[in-house]
Protein backbone atom coordinates (compact mmCIF):
# COMPACT_ATOMS: atom_id res chain seq x y z
CA MET A 1 -38.18 59.11 39.53
CA ASP A 2 -39.30 60.63 42.78
CA LYS A 3 -41.69 59.13 45.31
CA GLY A 4 -45.30 59.06 44.18
CA LEU A 5 -44.69 59.52 40.47
CA VAL A 6 -46.49 57.33 37.99
CA THR A 7 -44.29 56.12 35.15
CA GLY A 8 -45.78 54.83 31.94
CA ALA A 9 -43.97 53.15 29.08
CA VAL A 10 -45.00 51.72 25.74
CA PHE A 11 -42.67 49.19 24.11
CA LEU A 12 -42.90 48.95 20.32
CA ASP A 13 -41.44 46.47 17.87
CA LEU A 14 -41.32 46.86 14.10
CA ALA A 15 -42.43 43.99 11.88
CA LYS A 16 -39.72 42.94 9.41
CA ALA A 17 -37.97 46.26 9.98
CA PHE A 18 -34.84 45.63 7.92
CA ASP A 19 -36.87 44.02 5.12
CA THR A 20 -39.38 46.81 4.47
CA ASP A 21 -37.43 50.10 4.32
CA ASP A 22 -38.62 51.95 1.23
CA HIS A 23 -35.61 52.84 -0.92
CA SER A 24 -36.99 56.13 -2.28
CA LEU A 25 -37.69 57.34 1.28
CA LEU A 26 -34.22 56.22 2.35
CA PHE A 27 -32.61 58.12 -0.53
CA GLU A 28 -34.55 61.27 0.46
CA LYS A 29 -33.36 60.88 4.05
CA LEU A 30 -29.76 60.35 2.92
CA ALA A 31 -29.93 63.52 0.81
CA SER A 32 -31.53 65.57 3.59
CA SER A 33 -28.82 64.42 6.02
CA GLY A 34 -26.25 66.29 3.95
CA LEU A 35 -24.79 63.55 1.75
CA SER A 36 -23.64 64.69 -1.67
CA ASN A 37 -25.56 63.66 -4.79
CA ASP A 38 -22.67 61.36 -5.73
CA SER A 39 -22.89 59.61 -2.35
CA VAL A 40 -26.67 59.22 -2.58
CA ASN A 41 -26.26 57.85 -6.10
CA TRP A 42 -23.70 55.34 -4.79
CA PHE A 43 -26.27 54.09 -2.25
CA LYS A 44 -28.88 53.93 -5.01
CA SER A 45 -26.52 51.73 -7.00
CA TYR A 46 -25.78 49.61 -3.91
CA LEU A 47 -29.48 48.96 -3.17
CA SER A 48 -30.94 48.83 -6.70
CA ASN A 49 -31.52 45.63 -8.66
CA ARG A 50 -30.69 43.40 -5.69
CA ASN A 51 -31.46 39.70 -5.86
CA GLN A 52 -31.08 37.05 -3.19
CA LEU A 53 -31.38 33.33 -2.78
CA THR A 54 -31.49 30.90 0.10
CA ALA A 55 -29.27 27.85 0.43
CA LEU A 56 -29.78 25.05 2.92
CA ALA A 57 -27.65 21.92 2.78
CA ASN A 58 -27.75 20.84 -0.88
CA THR A 59 -30.89 22.79 -1.77
CA VAL A 60 -30.73 26.25 -3.32
CA SER A 61 -33.74 28.43 -4.05
CA SER A 62 -34.11 30.50 -7.18
CA PHE A 63 -33.12 34.16 -7.10
CA LYS A 64 -35.74 36.63 -5.93
CA HIS A 65 -35.74 40.36 -6.64
CA VAL A 66 -35.55 42.47 -3.45
CA PRO A 67 -37.08 45.93 -4.14
CA VAL A 68 -37.17 47.15 -0.51
CA GLY A 69 -35.20 46.77 2.70
CA VAL A 70 -31.55 46.97 3.64
CA PRO A 71 -29.16 44.00 3.45
CA GLN A 72 -29.07 42.13 6.74
CA GLY A 73 -25.70 40.76 7.72
CA SER A 74 -23.93 43.55 5.90
CA VAL A 75 -21.92 46.37 7.43
CA LEU A 76 -24.08 49.05 5.79
CA GLY A 77 -27.50 47.49 6.51
CA PRO A 78 -27.79 48.53 10.17
CA LEU A 79 -26.33 51.98 9.43
CA LEU A 80 -28.86 52.58 6.65
CA PHE A 81 -31.66 51.41 8.94
CA LEU A 82 -30.55 53.87 11.64
CA ILE A 83 -30.47 56.69 9.09
CA PHE A 84 -33.99 55.68 8.06
CA LEU A 85 -35.17 56.01 11.69
CA ASN A 86 -33.13 59.11 12.48
CA ASP A 87 -36.07 61.55 12.36
CA LEU A 88 -38.41 59.34 14.43
CA PRO A 89 -37.72 61.08 17.80
CA TYR A 90 -38.81 64.43 16.36
CA CYS A 91 -42.41 63.29 15.91
CA ILE A 92 -43.20 63.10 19.65
CA ASN A 93 -43.95 66.01 21.97
CA HIS A 94 -44.17 64.75 25.55
CA CYS A 95 -42.30 61.51 26.13
CA GLU A 96 -38.71 60.42 26.24
CA ILE A 97 -37.79 57.91 23.56
CA SER A 98 -35.17 55.17 23.38
CA LEU A 99 -34.33 53.30 20.19
CA TYR A 100 -32.36 50.10 19.82
CA ALA A 101 -32.33 48.55 16.34
CA ASP A 102 -36.00 47.90 15.55
CA ASP A 103 -37.20 48.26 19.16
CA THR A 104 -38.61 51.55 20.43
CA VAL A 105 -39.82 52.57 23.88
CA ILE A 106 -41.53 55.80 24.86
CA TYR A 107 -41.83 56.63 28.53
CA LEU A 108 -42.92 59.42 30.82
CA SER A 109 -43.25 60.10 34.56
CA SER A 110 -45.93 62.29 36.09
CA ASN A 111 -47.73 62.82 39.37
CA ASN A 112 -51.04 62.61 37.50
CA ALA A 113 -52.01 59.28 35.89
CA CYS A 114 -54.66 60.86 33.64
CA ASP A 115 -52.18 63.42 32.31
CA LEU A 116 -49.62 60.66 31.77
CA GLU A 117 -52.12 58.55 29.84
CA MET A 118 -53.14 61.50 27.65
CA LYS A 119 -49.52 62.38 26.80
CA LEU A 120 -48.51 58.76 26.13
CA ASN A 121 -51.52 58.27 23.84
CA SER A 122 -50.85 61.54 22.04
CA ASP A 123 -47.25 60.61 21.33
CA LEU A 124 -48.27 57.08 20.41
CA LYS A 125 -50.63 58.50 17.76
CA HIS A 126 -47.77 60.63 16.39
CA LEU A 127 -45.51 57.55 16.30
CA CYS A 128 -48.15 55.50 14.48
CA ARG A 129 -48.55 58.28 11.92
CA TRP A 130 -44.74 58.44 11.45
CA PHE A 131 -44.54 54.65 10.97
CA ASN A 132 -47.41 54.80 8.47
CA ASP A 133 -45.87 57.74 6.56
CA ASN A 134 -42.57 55.84 6.39
CA LEU A 135 -44.23 52.60 5.25
CA LEU A 136 -43.21 50.65 8.35
CA THR A 137 -45.50 48.32 10.28
CA LEU A 138 -45.65 47.81 14.02
CA ASN A 139 -45.64 44.23 15.24
CA VAL A 140 -48.62 44.66 17.57
CA SER A 141 -48.38 41.10 18.87
CA ASN A 142 -45.04 42.09 20.49
CA ASP A 143 -46.05 45.57 21.72
CA TRP A 144 -46.89 46.10 25.37
CA SER A 145 -47.24 48.84 27.94
CA MET A 146 -46.36 49.18 31.60
CA LEU A 147 -47.49 51.58 34.31
CA THR A 148 -45.47 51.80 37.53
CA VAL A 149 -45.88 53.83 40.74
CA ILE A 150 -42.77 54.69 42.75
CA HIS A 151 -43.65 54.58 46.46
CA GLU A 152 -40.20 55.17 47.88
CA LYS A 153 -36.65 54.82 46.72
CA GLY A 154 -36.08 51.29 45.50
CA HIS A 155 -39.71 50.17 45.94
CA TYR A 156 -42.13 50.19 43.06
CA GLU A 157 -45.43 48.62 42.09
CA SER A 158 -46.35 47.70 38.52
CA LEU A 159 -50.01 48.38 37.89
CA TYR A 160 -50.12 46.60 34.52
């Protein structure tokens, strides 16, 4: 970031990310990533007809059917979630994107604040459409944005 550039970032958080992945969409993504039909069918078997319960001290809940999501606490759960998100970066045109688990940030630097705002908003609309198409929900209570101006090396001012 050179002197005088305005940097904007939007930080996004998914609501119940691991709990809401649609299995049919995941199976399509697994198939399109090059997995064989046998491998995709194995994942279908792994995720289909899942039930879970909760135990606390001496109290155990009844079993509940889990038709969506990937198993948290498993080895495959995070991997399947990453495969589910793998095509997310391709939906934006202007910004850089960083993903970490269910957290996403898009960011951009420009010497023109109006141009920066337009490009951030454009990519944010594309991201919202992608999340909607993939049946994921943003946790808007945790989302926030930041705009920073770099005055000189090592000195910056956050505008909001």
